[in-house]
Amino acid sequence: MSEELKNVTATNVTATVKWFKPEKGFGFVRLADGSGEAFLHASVLAAASLPNPVEGTTVVCDLAQGAKGPQVVAIHSATPPETPPAPRARNQRPPRTTASASQPIGQPMGQPAGQFDDGGESYARPPKPQRERRERQAEPAGPATMAYGTVRWYNLDSQSGLIEPWEDGATVYFDRATLRQSGLDIVADGEDVRYLAVGSEDAPVAQRVELI
């Protein structure tokens, strides 16, 4: 444990487990006094010989101020909820439709690529002009919230991507401008990140992205 975590700021604090992901090795608890949340690492559970907690577990713990906010540094007791939470179904992505490499989308079947029928006459469709790519700047709309997630994908052509939040909620949009503002050049699919999002719950946009 680092030196900063040895400086306990509060003892015998009651909190409720917001979520804990065993595969990640950490989670968060909500403080009972409503003052916020605290980070919970698996090493603290191991030190107290406690199993991985489920959502809603009540803990009595000690807190310290870490580099990124309050952290649980000791757990004195843990009481599981009377009714364990039901598993939450993840939103299923619709299957992607694909077109044959030799048959462009919108081209009638059996007609040569690039040829279109206009009243019995075939003509070649002119190529579309190249459009200038512009990086979209996120417009703040509502309070910003810090959260954790995993990069679902990042497309180098469109220079944009989506973050899958670890908690339930809509995927979070980000683009190259967001990465530049965060001091990053690129992120890979499957990378875990910490992000600051703004906007509505249905269409959040990341203002900042950090690798964790």
C-alpha atoms as a PDB file:
ATOM      1  CA  MET A   1       0.000   0.000   0.000  1.00  0.00           C
ATOM      2  CA  SER A   2       1.338   3.420  -0.933  1.00  0.00           C
ATOM      3  CA  GLU A   3       2.212   6.027   1.659  1.00  0.00           C
ATOM      4  CA  GLU A   4      -0.737   8.238   0.735  1.00  0.00           C
ATOM      5  CA  LEU A   5      -3.190   5.448   1.443  1.00  0.00           C
ATOM      6  CA  LYS A   6      -1.805   4.964   4.932  1.00  0.00           C
ATOM      7  CA  ASN A   7      -3.146   8.375   5.896  1.00  0.00           C
ATOM      8  CA  VAL A   8      -6.671   7.411   6.883  1.00  0.00           C
ATOM      9  CA  THR A   9      -9.142  10.289   6.562  1.00  0.00           C
ATOM     10  CA  ALA A  10     -12.261   8.574   7.984  1.00  0.00           C
ATOM     11  CA  THR A  11     -12.915   5.428  10.018  1.00  0.00           C
ATOM     12  CA  ASN A  12     -15.923   3.144  10.472  1.00  0.00           C
ATOM     13  CA  VAL A  13     -17.703   4.642   7.484  1.00  0.00           C
ATOM     14  CA  THR A  14     -20.860   2.895   6.284  1.00  0.00           C
ATOM     15  CA  ALA A  15     -21.138   2.441   2.527  1.00  0.00           C
ATOM     16  CA  THR A  16     -22.964   0.319  -0.041  1.00  0.00           C
ATOM     17  CA  VAL A  17     -21.288  -1.490  -2.923  1.00  0.00           C
ATOM     18  CA  LYS A  18     -22.308   0.254  -6.138  1.00  0.00           C
ATOM     19  CA  TRP A  19     -20.611  -2.342  -8.313  1.00  0.00           C
ATOM     20  CA  PHE A  20     -17.579  -4.613  -8.219  1.00  0.00           C
ATOM     21  CA  LYS A  21     -16.068  -6.427 -11.203  1.00  0.00           C
ATOM     22  CA  PRO A  22     -13.918  -9.436 -10.202  1.00  0.00           C
ATOM     23  CA  GLU A  23     -12.351  -9.608 -13.669  1.00  0.00           C
ATOM     24  CA  LYS A  24     -11.139  -6.012 -13.275  1.00  0.00           C
ATOM     25  CA  GLY A  25     -10.215  -6.374  -9.615  1.00  0.00           C
ATOM     26  CA  PHE A  26     -11.967  -3.260  -8.366  1.00  0.00           C
ATOM     27  CA  GLY A  27     -15.254  -1.400  -8.005  1.00  0.00           C
ATOM     28  CA  PHE A  28     -16.920   1.478  -6.167  1.00  0.00           C
ATOM     29  CA  VAL A  29     -18.981   2.006  -3.028  1.00  0.00           C
ATOM     30  CA  ARG A  30     -21.541   4.736  -2.276  1.00  0.00           C
ATOM     31  CA  LEU A  31     -21.017   6.500   1.035  1.00  0.00           C
ATOM     32  CA  ALA A  32     -24.090   6.378   3.271  1.00  0.00           C
ATOM     33  CA  ASP A  33     -23.854  10.074   4.177  1.00  0.00           C
ATOM     34  CA  GLY A  34     -24.368  11.007   0.525  1.00  0.00           C
ATOM     35  CA  SER A  35     -20.958  12.676   0.181  1.00  0.00           C
ATOM     36  CA  GLY A  36     -19.992  10.638  -2.881  1.00  0.00           C
ATOM     37  CA  GLU A  37     -18.237   7.413  -3.819  1.00  0.00           C
ATOM     38  CA  ALA A  38     -15.004   5.639  -2.964  1.00  0.00           C
ATOM     39  CA  PHE A  39     -12.773   3.304  -4.936  1.00  0.00           C
ATOM     40  CA  LEU A  40     -12.596  -0.321  -3.746  1.00  0.00           C
ATOM     41  CA  HIS A  41      -9.670  -2.548  -4.765  1.00  0.00           C
ATOM     42  CA  ALA A  42      -9.629  -6.338  -4.567  1.00  0.00           C
ATOM     43  CA  SER A  43      -6.519  -6.243  -2.368  1.00  0.00           C
ATOM     44  CA  VAL A  44      -8.568  -4.639   0.426  1.00  0.00           C
ATOM     45  CA  LEU A  45     -11.063  -7.505   0.255  1.00  0.00           C
ATOM     46  CA  ALA A  46      -8.241 -10.043   0.313  1.00  0.00           C
ATOM     47  CA  ALA A  47      -6.695  -8.390   3.376  1.00  0.00           C
ATOM     48  CA  ALA A  48     -10.037  -8.763   5.182  1.00  0.00           C
ATOM     49  CA  SER A  49     -10.506 -12.363   3.911  1.00  0.00           C
ATOM     50  CA  LEU A  50     -13.757 -11.335   2.230  1.00  0.00           C
ATOM     51  CA  PRO A  51     -15.227 -12.694  -1.029  1.00  0.00           C
ATOM     52  CA  ASN A  52     -16.063 -10.490  -3.970  1.00  0.00           C
ATOM     53  CA  PRO A  53     -19.105  -8.414  -2.933  1.00  0.00           C
ATOM     54  CA  VAL A  54     -22.324  -8.180  -4.897  1.00  0.00           C
ATOM     55  CA  GLU A  55     -24.180  -4.950  -5.619  1.00  0.00           C
ATOM     56  CA  GLY A  56     -25.970  -3.695  -2.525  1.00  0.00           C
ATOM     57  CA  THR A  57     -23.564  -5.198   0.024  1.00  0.00           C
ATOM     58  CA  THR A  58     -23.237  -2.937   3.073  1.00  0.00           C
ATOM     59  CA  VAL A  59     -19.694  -2.437   4.347  1.00  0.00           C
ATOM     60  CA  VAL A  60     -18.158  -0.640   7.322  1.00  0.00           C
ATOM     61  CA  CYS A  61     -14.778   0.625   6.205  1.00  0.00           C
ATOM     62  CA  ASP A  62     -11.926   3.119   6.576  1.00  0.00           C
ATOM     63  CA  LEU A  63     -11.170   5.663   3.870  1.00  0.00           C
ATOM     64  CA  ALA A  64      -8.065   7.473   2.670  1.00  0.00           C
ATOM     65  CA  GLN A  65      -7.458  10.061  -0.032  1.00  0.00           C
ATOM     66  CA  GLY A  66      -5.825   8.487  -3.067  1.00  0.00           C
ATOM     67  CA  ALA A  67      -4.430  10.066  -6.211  1.00  0.00           C
ATOM     68  CA  LYS A  68      -7.835   9.996  -7.917  1.00  0.00           C
ATOM     69  CA  GLY A  69     -10.170  10.453  -4.948  1.00  0.00           C
ATOM     70  CA  PRO A  70     -11.409   8.616  -1.824  1.00  0.00           C
ATOM     71  CA  GLN A  71     -10.392   4.965  -1.551  1.00  0.00           C
ATOM     72  CA  VAL A  72     -11.356   2.158   0.787  1.00  0.00           C
ATOM     73  CA  VAL A  73      -8.244   1.033   2.693  1.00  0.00           C
ATOM     74  CA  ALA A  74      -9.798  -1.343   5.245  1.00  0.00           C
ATOM     75  CA  ILE A  75     -13.089  -3.198   5.678  1.00  0.00           C
ATOM     76  CA  HIS A  76     -14.325  -4.112   9.159  1.00  0.00           C
ATOM     77  CA  SER A  77     -17.572  -5.861   8.171  1.00  0.00           C
ATOM     78  CA  ALA A  78     -19.601  -6.743   5.086  1.00  0.00           C
ATOM     79  CA  THR A  79     -23.313  -7.587   5.028  1.00  0.00           C
ATOM     80  CA  PRO A  80     -24.802  -8.940   1.769  1.00  0.00           C
ATOM     81  CA  PRO A  81     -28.205  -7.578   0.687  1.00  0.00           C
ATOM     82  CA  GLU A  82     -31.298  -9.521   1.751  1.00  0.00           C
ATOM     83  CA  THR A  83     -32.272  -9.983  -1.894  1.00  0.00           C
ATOM     84  CA  PRO A  84     -29.335 -10.452  -4.292  1.00  0.00           C
ATOM     85  CA  PRO A  85     -29.632  -8.245  -7.397  1.00  0.00           C
ATOM     86  CA  ALA A  86     -30.883  -9.925 -10.550  1.00  0.00           C
ATOM     87  CA  PRO A  87     -28.370 -10.073 -13.410  1.00  0.00           C
ATOM     88  CA  ARG A  88     -28.802  -7.173 -15.786  1.00  0.00           C
ATOM     89  CA  ALA A  89     -29.245  -7.925 -19.463  1.00  0.00           C
ATOM     90  CA  ARG A  90     -26.913  -6.073 -21.757  1.00  0.00           C
ATOM     91  CA  ASN A  91     -28.317  -4.313 -24.793  1.00  0.00           C
ATOM     92  CA  GLN A  92     -27.772  -6.494 -27.823  1.00  0.00           C
ATOM     93  CA  ARG A  93     -26.288  -4.857 -30.892  1.00  0.00           C
ATOM     94  CA  PRO A  94     -28.225  -5.497 -34.118  1.00  0.00           C
ATOM     95  CA  PRO A  95     -26.344  -7.606 -36.678  1.00  0.00           C
ATOM     96  CA  ARG A  96     -24.425  -5.643 -39.255  1.00  0.00           C
ATOM     97  CA  THR A  97     -25.548  -5.965 -42.852  1.00  0.00           C
ATOM     98  CA  THR A  98     -22.836  -6.570 -45.406  1.00  0.00           C
ATOM     99  CA  ALA A  99     -22.728  -6.108 -49.150  1.00  0.00           C
ATOM    100  CA  SER A 100     -20.800  -8.127 -51.651  1.00  0.00           C
ATOM    101  CA  ALA A 101     -17.519  -6.584 -52.716  1.00  0.00           C
ATOM    102  CA  SER A 102     -18.672  -6.870 -56.354  1.00  0.00           C
ATOM    103  CA  GLN A 103     -22.209  -5.547 -55.731  1.00  0.00           C
ATOM    104  CA  PRO A 104     -22.393  -2.064 -54.158  1.00  0.00           C
ATOM    105  CA  ILE A 105     -25.232  -1.196 -51.822  1.00  0.00           C
ATOM    106  CA  GLY A 106     -28.212   0.121 -53.809  1.00  0.00           C
ATOM    107  CA  GLN A 107     -27.085  -1.611 -57.033  1.00  0.00           C
ATOM    108  CA  PRO A 108     -29.781  -3.884 -58.557  1.00  0.00           C
ATOM    109  CA  MET A 109     -28.833  -7.543 -58.508  1.00  0.00           C
ATOM    110  CA  GLY A 110     -27.492  -8.843 -61.781  1.00  0.00           C
ATOM    111  CA  GLN A 111     -26.531  -5.392 -63.067  1.00  0.00           C
ATOM    112  CA  PRO A 112     -22.848  -4.519 -63.570  1.00  0.00           C
ATOM    113  CA  ALA A 113     -21.283  -2.431 -60.827  1.00  0.00           C
ATOM    114  CA  GLY A 114     -21.369   1.265 -61.610  1.00  0.00           C
ATOM    115  CA  GLN A 115     -24.204   0.833 -64.159  1.00  0.00           C
ATOM    116  CA  PHE A 116     -27.755   1.976 -63.377  1.00  0.00           C
ATOM    117  CA  ASP A 117     -30.938   1.454 -65.368  1.00  0.00           C
ATOM    118  CA  ASP A 118     -32.993   4.546 -66.287  1.00  0.00           C
ATOM    119  CA  GLY A 119     -36.066   3.583 -68.321  1.00  0.00           C
ATOM    120  CA  GLY A 120     -34.300   0.857 -70.208  1.00  0.00           C
ATOM    121  CA  GLU A 121     -31.084   2.772 -70.718  1.00  0.00           C
ATOM    122  CA  SER A 122     -27.947   2.128 -68.722  1.00  0.00           C
ATOM    123  CA  TYR A 123     -25.665   4.878 -67.638  1.00  0.00           C
ATOM    124  CA  ALA A 124     -22.549   5.139 -65.531  1.00  0.00           C
ATOM    125  CA  ARG A 125     -23.036   6.764 -62.168  1.00  0.00           C
ATOM    126  CA  PRO A 126     -20.561   9.614 -61.647  1.00  0.00           C
ATOM    127  CA  PRO A 127     -18.264   9.233 -58.628  1.00  0.00           C
ATOM    128  CA  LYS A 128     -19.221  11.136 -55.514  1.00  0.00           C
ATOM    129  CA  PRO A 129     -17.002  14.105 -54.716  1.00  0.00           C
ATOM    130  CA  GLN A 130     -14.687  13.699 -51.767  1.00  0.00           C
ATOM    131  CA  ARG A 131     -16.008  15.430 -48.672  1.00  0.00           C
ATOM    132  CA  GLU A 132     -13.683  17.167 -46.281  1.00  0.00           C
ATOM    133  CA  ARG A 133     -13.440  15.318 -42.991  1.00  0.00           C
ATOM    134  CA  ARG A 134     -14.141  17.520 -40.020  1.00  0.00           C
ATOM    135  CA  GLU A 135     -13.541  16.562 -36.428  1.00  0.00           C
ATOM    136  CA  ARG A 136     -16.642  17.048 -34.339  1.00  0.00           C
ATOM    137  CA  GLN A 137     -16.244  19.061 -31.187  1.00  0.00           C
ATOM    138  CA  ALA A 138     -18.344  17.924 -28.255  1.00  0.00           C
ATOM    139  CA  GLU A 139     -20.782  20.546 -27.054  1.00  0.00           C
ATOM    140  CA  PRO A 140     -21.265  20.446 -23.283  1.00  0.00           C
ATOM    141  CA  ALA A 141     -24.891  19.722 -22.375  1.00  0.00           C
ATOM    142  CA  GLY A 142     -25.459  19.016 -18.724  1.00  0.00           C
ATOM    143  CA  PRO A 143     -23.053  18.206 -15.905  1.00  0.00           C
ATOM    144  CA  ALA A 144     -19.925  16.213 -16.702  1.00  0.00           C
ATOM    145  CA  THR A 145     -19.573  12.804 -15.063  1.00  0.00           C
ATOM    146  CA  MET A 146     -16.446  10.692 -14.579  1.00  0.00           C
ATOM    147  CA  ALA A 147     -16.838   6.976 -15.234  1.00  0.00           C
ATOM    148  CA  TYR A 148     -15.006   3.846 -16.375  1.00  0.00           C
ATOM    149  CA  GLY A 149     -15.483   1.738 -19.473  1.00  0.00           C
ATOM    150  CA  THR A 150     -13.920  -0.317 -22.262  1.00  0.00           C
ATOM    151  CA  VAL A 151     -13.291   0.849 -25.824  1.00  0.00           C
ATOM    152  CA  ARG A 152     -15.770  -1.066 -27.979  1.00  0.00           C
ATOM    153  CA  TRP A 153     -14.102   0.101 -31.193  1.00  0.00           C
ATOM    154  CA  TYR A 154     -12.100   2.955 -32.687  1.00  0.00           C
ATOM    155  CA  ASN A 155     -12.235   3.490 -36.443  1.00  0.00           C
ATOM    156  CA  LEU A 156      -9.136   5.038 -38.005  1.00  0.00           C
ATOM    157  CA  ASP A 157     -11.039   6.063 -41.153  1.00  0.00           C
ATOM    158  CA  SER A 158     -13.794   7.997 -39.377  1.00  0.00           C
ATOM    159  CA  GLN A 159     -11.442   8.847 -36.491  1.00  0.00           C
ATOM    160  CA  SER A 160     -14.184   8.168 -33.980  1.00  0.00           C
ATOM    161  CA  GLY A 161     -15.239   5.397 -31.636  1.00  0.00           C
ATOM    162  CA  LEU A 162     -17.460   4.182 -28.827  1.00  0.00           C
ATOM    163  CA  ILE A 163     -16.831   3.359 -25.172  1.00  0.00           C
ATOM    164  CA  GLU A 164     -18.876   0.635 -23.458  1.00  0.00           C
ATOM    165  CA  PRO A 165     -19.509   1.807 -19.864  1.00  0.00           C
ATOM    166  CA  TRP A 166     -18.920  -0.684 -17.071  1.00  0.00           C
ATOM    167  CA  GLU A 167     -22.190   0.398 -15.540  1.00  0.00           C
ATOM    168  CA  ASP A 168     -25.497   0.206 -17.348  1.00  0.00           C
ATOM    169  CA  GLY A 169     -26.055   3.021 -19.790  1.00  0.00           C
ATOM    170  CA  ALA A 170     -25.658   4.160 -23.377  1.00  0.00           C
ATOM    171  CA  THR A 171     -22.346   3.825 -25.191  1.00  0.00           C
ATOM    172  CA  VAL A 172     -20.200   6.971 -25.117  1.00  0.00           C
ATOM    173  CA  TYR A 173     -19.036   8.648 -28.329  1.00  0.00           C
ATOM    174  CA  PHE A 174     -15.523  10.073 -28.740  1.00  0.00           C
ATOM    175  CA  ASP A 175     -13.399  11.239 -31.636  1.00  0.00           C
ATOM    176  CA  ARG A 176      -9.830  12.185 -32.480  1.00  0.00           C
ATOM    177  CA  ALA A 177     -10.301  15.685 -31.088  1.00  0.00           C
ATOM    178  CA  THR A 178     -11.170  14.124 -27.718  1.00  0.00           C
ATOM    179  CA  LEU A 179      -8.024  11.990 -27.811  1.00  0.00           C
ATOM    180  CA  ARG A 180      -5.838  14.979 -28.710  1.00  0.00           C
ATOM    181  CA  GLN A 181      -7.282  17.015 -25.852  1.00  0.00           C
ATOM    182  CA  SER A 182      -6.491  14.066 -23.576  1.00  0.00           C
ATOM    183  CA  GLY A 183      -2.882  13.778 -24.781  1.00  0.00           C
ATOM    184  CA  LEU A 184      -3.500  10.497 -26.646  1.00  0.00           C
ATOM    185  CA  ASP A 185      -2.775   9.589 -30.273  1.00  0.00           C
ATOM    186  CA  ILE A 186      -4.896   6.452 -30.504  1.00  0.00           C
ATOM    187  CA  VAL A 187      -6.709   3.856 -28.408  1.00  0.00           C
ATOM    188  CA  ALA A 188      -7.124   0.168 -29.170  1.00  0.00           C
ATOM    189  CA  ASP A 189     -10.275  -1.910 -29.128  1.00  0.00           C
ATOM    190  CA  GLY A 190     -10.737  -3.550 -25.735  1.00  0.00           C
ATOM    191  CA  GLU A 191      -8.647  -1.037 -23.773  1.00  0.00           C
ATOM    192  CA  ASP A 192      -9.973   0.014 -20.366  1.00  0.00           C
ATOM    193  CA  VAL A 193     -10.354   3.762 -19.938  1.00  0.00           C
ATOM    194  CA  ARG A 194     -11.502   6.431 -17.515  1.00  0.00           C
ATOM    195  CA  TYR A 195     -13.556   9.125 -19.209  1.00  0.00           C
ATOM    196  CA  LEU A 196     -15.358  12.393 -18.548  1.00  0.00           C
ATOM    197  CA  ALA A 197     -18.700  12.507 -20.373  1.00  0.00           C
ATOM    198  CA  VAL A 198     -21.275  15.223 -20.999  1.00  0.00           C
ATOM    199  CA  GLY A 199     -24.647  15.267 -22.716  1.00  0.00           C
ATOM    200  CA  SER A 200     -27.883  13.383 -22.211  1.00  0.00           C
ATOM    201  CA  GLU A 201     -28.066   9.857 -20.810  1.00  0.00           C
ATOM    202  CA  ASP A 202     -29.119   8.573 -24.252  1.00  0.00           C
ATOM    203  CA  ALA A 203     -26.304  10.279 -26.184  1.00  0.00           C
ATOM    204  CA  PRO A 204     -23.281  10.950 -23.957  1.00  0.00           C
ATOM    205  CA  VAL A 205     -20.090  12.378 -25.469  1.00  0.00           C
ATOM    206  CA  ALA A 206     -16.624  12.012 -23.941  1.00  0.00           C
ATOM    207  CA  GLN A 207     -14.725  15.227 -23.251  1.00  0.00           C
ATOM    208  CA  ARG A 208     -11.649  13.469 -21.892  1.00  0.00           C
ATOM    209  CA  VAL A 209     -10.303   9.899 -22.087  1.00  0.00           C
ATOM    210  CA  GLU A 210      -7.539   8.400 -19.922  1.00  0.00           C
ATOM    211  CA  LEU A 211      -5.959   4.950 -20.112  1.00  0.00           C
ATOM    212  CA  ILE A 212      -6.007   2.957 -16.866  1.00  0.00           C
END
